[in-house]
Amino acid sequence: MPVLIYMSWAAYTLGAALLLVSLVLETYVFLPAAVAAGVCGVAFAVGAKIVDLLTEIRDRLPAPQPAQVAELPEQSPQPVRSLSELSADLERKRVRG
């Protein structure tokens, strides 16, 4: 991921600049900030490597296959009710409601 790599190089540059300022001015106040910037640079570089590795793993995975659905036969047996059963059901519904 290029953004993480650019941020890593920016952190390295900032760390080097802070280290240089700390050594030139002989004030070691900037030294912890330089070390922290270097650690951040390493963290960004490792993050970029992890993202690249996960992207490669994802790209090598096989494409997911849809689940196989059992097909029903075209003429599956339907429950058959006679006309007298249907009319009896309708009469029961009329009586209830």
N, C-alpha and C. Protein backbone atom coordinates (compact mmCIF):
# COMPACT_ATOMS: atom_id res chain seq x y z
N MET A 1 0.85 -1.16 0.00
CA MET A 1 0.00 0.00 0.00
C MET A 1 0.90 1.23 0.00
N PRO A 2 0.86 1.99 -1.07
CA PRO A 2 1.79 3.11 -1.22
C PRO A 2 1.66 4.19 -0.14
N VAL A 3 0.47 4.43 0.37
CA VAL A 3 0.30 5.48 1.37
C VAL A 3 1.09 5.14 2.63
N LEU A 4 1.03 3.89 3.05
CA LEU A 4 1.77 3.50 4.25
C LEU A 4 3.28 3.58 4.03
N ILE A 5 3.72 3.26 2.83
CA ILE A 5 5.15 3.35 2.54
C ILE A 5 5.60 4.81 2.55
N TYR A 6 4.78 5.70 1.95
CA TYR A 6 5.12 7.13 1.97
C TYR A 6 5.16 7.67 3.40
N MET A 7 4.20 7.25 4.22
CA MET A 7 4.19 7.70 5.61
C MET A 7 5.40 7.16 6.36
N SER A 8 5.81 5.94 6.02
CA SER A 8 7.00 5.37 6.64
C SER A 8 8.23 6.20 6.30
N TRP A 9 8.39 6.55 5.04
CA TRP A 9 9.54 7.36 4.64
C TRP A 9 9.48 8.75 5.24
N ALA A 10 8.28 9.30 5.37
CA ALA A 10 8.14 10.62 6.00
C ALA A 10 8.55 10.55 7.47
N ALA A 11 8.17 9.47 8.15
CA ALA A 11 8.56 9.32 9.56
C ALA A 11 10.06 9.13 9.69
N TYR A 12 10.66 8.36 8.77
CA TYR A 12 12.12 8.20 8.80
C TYR A 12 12.81 9.55 8.59
N THR A 13 12.31 10.32 7.63
CA THR A 13 12.91 11.63 7.35
C THR A 13 12.78 12.56 8.55
N LEU A 14 11.61 12.57 9.17
CA LEU A 14 11.40 13.40 10.35
C LEU A 14 12.32 12.96 11.49
N GLY A 15 12.46 11.65 11.67
CA GLY A 15 13.36 11.15 12.71
C GLY A 15 14.80 11.54 12.46
N ALA A 16 15.23 11.44 11.20
CA ALA A 16 16.61 11.83 10.87
C ALA A 16 16.82 13.32 11.06
N ALA A 17 15.83 14.12 10.68
CA ALA A 17 15.96 15.57 10.86
C ALA A 17 16.01 15.94 12.34
N LEU A 18 15.16 15.31 13.14
CA LEU A 18 15.18 15.59 14.58
C LEU A 18 16.49 15.13 15.22
N LEU A 19 17.01 14.01 14.77
CA LEU A 19 18.29 13.53 15.30
C LEU A 19 19.41 14.49 14.92
N LEU A 20 19.39 14.96 13.68
CA LEU A 20 20.40 15.91 13.23
C LEU A 20 20.32 17.22 14.01
N VAL A 21 19.12 17.73 14.20
CA VAL A 21 18.95 18.97 14.97
C VAL A 21 19.42 18.77 16.40
N SER A 22 19.09 17.62 16.96
CA SER A 22 19.49 17.33 18.34
C SER A 22 21.01 17.28 18.48
N LEU A 23 21.68 16.70 17.50
CA LEU A 23 23.14 16.59 17.57
C LEU A 23 23.82 17.92 17.27
N VAL A 24 23.30 18.69 16.31
CA VAL A 24 23.93 19.95 15.94
C VAL A 24 23.78 20.98 17.06
N LEU A 25 22.60 21.07 17.63
CA LEU A 25 22.37 22.06 18.68
C LEU A 25 22.82 21.59 20.06
N GLU A 26 23.21 20.35 20.14
CA GLU A 26 23.64 19.74 21.39
C GLU A 26 22.59 19.88 22.49
N THR A 27 21.33 19.85 22.06
CA THR A 27 20.22 19.78 23.01
C THR A 27 19.52 18.45 22.75
N TYR A 28 19.55 17.63 23.72
CA TYR A 28 19.03 16.28 23.52
C TYR A 28 17.53 16.19 23.81
N VAL A 29 16.87 17.33 23.74
CA VAL A 29 15.42 17.35 23.94
C VAL A 29 14.71 16.67 22.78
N PHE A 30 15.26 16.80 21.58
CA PHE A 30 14.63 16.24 20.39
C PHE A 30 14.95 14.75 20.19
N LEU A 31 15.83 14.20 20.98
CA LEU A 31 16.24 12.81 20.81
C LEU A 31 15.09 11.82 21.01
N PRO A 32 14.27 11.94 22.06
CA PRO A 32 13.13 11.01 22.19
C PRO A 32 12.14 11.12 21.03
N ALA A 33 11.93 12.33 20.53
CA ALA A 33 11.04 12.50 19.39
C ALA A 33 11.62 11.84 18.14
N ALA A 34 12.94 11.89 17.98
CA ALA A 34 13.59 11.25 16.83
C ALA A 34 13.44 9.74 16.91
N VAL A 35 13.61 9.19 18.10
CA VAL A 35 13.45 7.74 18.28
C VAL A 35 12.00 7.34 18.02
N ALA A 36 11.05 8.15 18.53
CA ALA A 36 9.64 7.85 18.32
C ALA A 36 9.28 7.90 16.83
N ALA A 37 9.83 8.86 16.12
CA ALA A 37 9.57 8.95 14.68
C ALA A 37 10.15 7.74 13.95
N GLY A 38 11.32 7.28 14.38
CA GLY A 38 11.90 6.07 13.77
C GLY A 38 11.04 4.85 14.03
N VAL A 39 10.53 4.73 15.25
CA VAL A 39 9.65 3.60 15.59
C VAL A 39 8.36 3.67 14.77
N CYS A 40 7.82 4.87 14.60
CA CYS A 40 6.62 5.03 13.77
C CYS A 40 6.90 4.65 12.31
N GLY A 41 8.08 5.00 11.83
CA GLY A 41 8.45 4.61 10.48
C GLY A 41 8.50 3.11 10.31
N VAL A 42 9.07 2.43 11.29
CA VAL A 42 9.11 0.96 11.24
C VAL A 42 7.70 0.40 11.30
N ALA A 43 6.85 0.98 12.16
CA ALA A 43 5.48 0.49 12.28
C ALA A 43 4.71 0.66 10.97
N PHE A 44 4.88 1.79 10.31
CA PHE A 44 4.22 1.99 9.02
C PHE A 44 4.74 1.02 7.96
N ALA A 45 6.05 0.76 7.96
CA ALA A 45 6.62 -0.18 6.99
C ALA A 45 6.09 -1.59 7.23
N VAL A 46 6.00 -1.99 8.49
CA VAL A 46 5.46 -3.31 8.81
C VAL A 46 3.98 -3.38 8.43
N GLY A 47 3.24 -2.31 8.68
CA GLY A 47 1.83 -2.28 8.29
C GLY A 47 1.65 -2.42 6.79
N ALA A 48 2.50 -1.76 6.02
CA ALA A 48 2.42 -1.88 4.56
C ALA A 48 2.72 -3.30 4.12
N LYS A 49 3.70 -3.94 4.76
CA LYS A 49 4.04 -5.32 4.41
C LYS A 49 2.89 -6.26 4.75
N ILE A 50 2.25 -6.04 5.89
CA ILE A 50 1.12 -6.89 6.29
C ILE A 50 -0.04 -6.73 5.31
N VAL A 51 -0.33 -5.50 4.91
CA VAL A 51 -1.42 -5.28 3.96
C VAL A 51 -1.10 -5.94 2.63
N ASP A 52 0.14 -5.84 2.17
CA ASP A 52 0.53 -6.50 0.92
C ASP A 52 0.39 -8.01 1.02
N LEU A 53 0.81 -8.57 2.14
CA LEU A 53 0.71 -10.02 2.33
C LEU A 53 -0.74 -10.47 2.35
N LEU A 54 -1.59 -9.75 3.06
CA LEU A 54 -3.01 -10.11 3.10
C LEU A 54 -3.67 -9.97 1.73
N THR A 55 -3.25 -8.99 0.95
CA THR A 55 -3.78 -8.83 -0.40
C THR A 55 -3.37 -10.00 -1.28
N GLU A 56 -2.13 -10.44 -1.17
CA GLU A 56 -1.68 -11.60 -1.94
C GLU A 56 -2.44 -12.86 -1.54
N ILE A 57 -2.67 -13.03 -0.25
CA ILE A 57 -3.43 -14.20 0.22
C ILE A 57 -4.85 -14.16 -0.33
N ARG A 58 -5.48 -12.99 -0.28
CA ARG A 58 -6.84 -12.86 -0.79
C ARG A 58 -6.91 -13.15 -2.29
N ASP A 59 -5.91 -12.67 -3.03
CA ASP A 59 -5.91 -12.88 -4.47
C ASP A 59 -5.69 -14.33 -4.86
N ARG A 60 -5.02 -15.09 -4.02
CA ARG A 60 -4.75 -16.50 -4.33
C ARG A 60 -5.86 -17.44 -3.90
N LEU A 61 -6.81 -16.95 -3.12
CA LEU A 61 -7.92 -17.80 -2.70
C LEU A 61 -8.80 -18.11 -3.91
N PRO A 62 -9.35 -19.33 -3.96
CA PRO A 62 -10.25 -19.63 -5.08
C PRO A 62 -11.55 -18.85 -4.94
N ALA A 63 -12.18 -18.61 -6.07
CA ALA A 63 -13.44 -17.88 -6.06
C ALA A 63 -14.51 -18.72 -5.36
N PRO A 64 -15.34 -18.10 -4.55
CA PRO A 64 -16.37 -18.88 -3.85
C PRO A 64 -17.39 -19.43 -4.83
N GLN A 65 -17.74 -20.67 -4.62
CA GLN A 65 -18.73 -21.33 -5.47
C GLN A 65 -20.10 -21.21 -4.80
N PRO A 66 -21.14 -20.93 -5.57
CA PRO A 66 -22.47 -20.85 -4.96
C PRO A 66 -22.91 -22.24 -4.49
N ALA A 67 -23.72 -22.25 -3.47
CA ALA A 67 -24.20 -23.52 -2.92
C ALA A 67 -25.09 -24.21 -3.95
N GLN A 68 -24.95 -25.52 -4.01
CA GLN A 68 -25.77 -26.30 -4.93
C GLN A 68 -27.16 -26.48 -4.33
N VAL A 69 -28.15 -26.13 -5.10
CA VAL A 69 -29.53 -26.26 -4.66
C VAL A 69 -30.14 -27.44 -5.39
N ALA A 70 -30.77 -28.31 -4.62
CA ALA A 70 -31.41 -29.47 -5.24
C ALA A 70 -32.59 -28.99 -6.08
N GLU A 71 -32.62 -29.44 -7.31
CA GLU A 71 -33.70 -29.02 -8.20
C GLU A 71 -34.92 -29.90 -7.98
N LEU A 72 -36.06 -29.26 -7.95
CA LEU A 72 -37.31 -30.01 -7.81
C LEU A 72 -37.74 -30.53 -9.17
N PRO A 73 -38.31 -31.70 -9.19
CA PRO A 73 -38.81 -32.19 -10.48
C PRO A 73 -39.94 -31.29 -10.98
N GLU A 74 -40.09 -31.24 -12.29
CA GLU A 74 -41.08 -30.35 -12.88
C GLU A 74 -42.50 -30.70 -12.44
N GLN A 75 -42.80 -31.96 -12.33
CA GLN A 75 -44.14 -32.36 -11.96
C GLN A 75 -44.11 -33.04 -10.60
N SER A 76 -43.83 -32.25 -9.59
CA SER A 76 -43.81 -32.80 -8.25
C SER A 76 -45.25 -33.00 -7.79
N PRO A 77 -45.47 -34.04 -7.03
CA PRO A 77 -46.85 -34.32 -6.61
C PRO A 77 -47.37 -33.23 -5.67
N GLN A 78 -48.47 -32.65 -6.03
CA GLN A 78 -49.12 -31.62 -5.22
C GLN A 78 -50.22 -32.29 -4.39
N PRO A 79 -50.42 -31.80 -3.19
CA PRO A 79 -51.53 -32.37 -2.41
C PRO A 79 -52.86 -32.02 -3.10
N VAL A 80 -53.63 -33.03 -3.36
CA VAL A 80 -54.88 -32.85 -4.09
C VAL A 80 -56.04 -32.97 -3.11
N ARG A 81 -56.94 -31.99 -3.16
CA ARG A 81 -58.13 -32.01 -2.31
C ARG A 81 -59.35 -32.01 -3.21
N SER A 82 -60.32 -32.72 -2.78
CA SER A 82 -61.54 -32.79 -3.59
C SER A 82 -62.37 -31.53 -3.39
N LEU A 83 -63.34 -31.36 -4.27
CA LEU A 83 -64.21 -30.19 -4.21
C LEU A 83 -65.04 -30.19 -2.94
N SER A 84 -65.44 -31.36 -2.50
CA SER A 84 -66.25 -31.43 -1.28
C SER A 84 -65.42 -31.02 -0.06
N GLU A 85 -64.12 -31.39 -0.02
CA GLU A 85 -63.27 -30.98 1.10
C GLU A 85 -63.08 -29.47 1.11
N LEU A 86 -62.87 -28.88 -0.06
CA LEU A 86 -62.70 -27.44 -0.14
C LEU A 86 -63.96 -26.70 0.28
N SER A 87 -65.11 -27.17 -0.19
CA SER A 87 -66.36 -26.49 0.19
C SER A 87 -66.65 -26.66 1.67
N ALA A 88 -66.29 -27.81 2.27
CA ALA A 88 -66.48 -28.00 3.71
C ALA A 88 -65.58 -27.04 4.49
N ASP A 89 -64.36 -26.83 4.02
CA ASP A 89 -63.45 -25.87 4.68
C ASP A 89 -64.01 -24.45 4.60
N LEU A 90 -64.56 -24.08 3.45
CA LEU A 90 -65.14 -22.75 3.30
C LEU A 90 -66.34 -22.57 4.22
N GLU A 91 -67.14 -23.59 4.37
CA GLU A 91 -68.30 -23.52 5.27
C GLU A 91 -67.84 -23.34 6.71
N ARG A 92 -66.79 -24.06 7.11
CA ARG A 92 -66.26 -23.92 8.48
C ARG A 92 -65.75 -22.51 8.72
N LYS A 93 -65.10 -21.92 7.74
CA LYS A 93 -64.60 -20.55 7.89
C LYS A 93 -65.73 -19.54 7.99
N ARG A 94 -66.79 -19.76 7.23
CA ARG A 94 -67.94 -18.85 7.29
C ARG A 94 -68.62 -18.93 8.65
N VAL A 95 -68.71 -20.12 9.20
CA VAL A 95 -69.37 -20.30 10.49
C VAL A 95 -68.54 -19.63 11.60
N ARG A 96 -67.22 -19.75 11.53
CA ARG A 96 -66.34 -19.17 12.55
C ARG A 96 -66.30 -17.65 12.49
N GLY A 97 -66.22 -17.13 11.32
CA GLY A 97 -65.94 -15.70 11.24
C GLY A 97 -67.03 -14.96 10.62
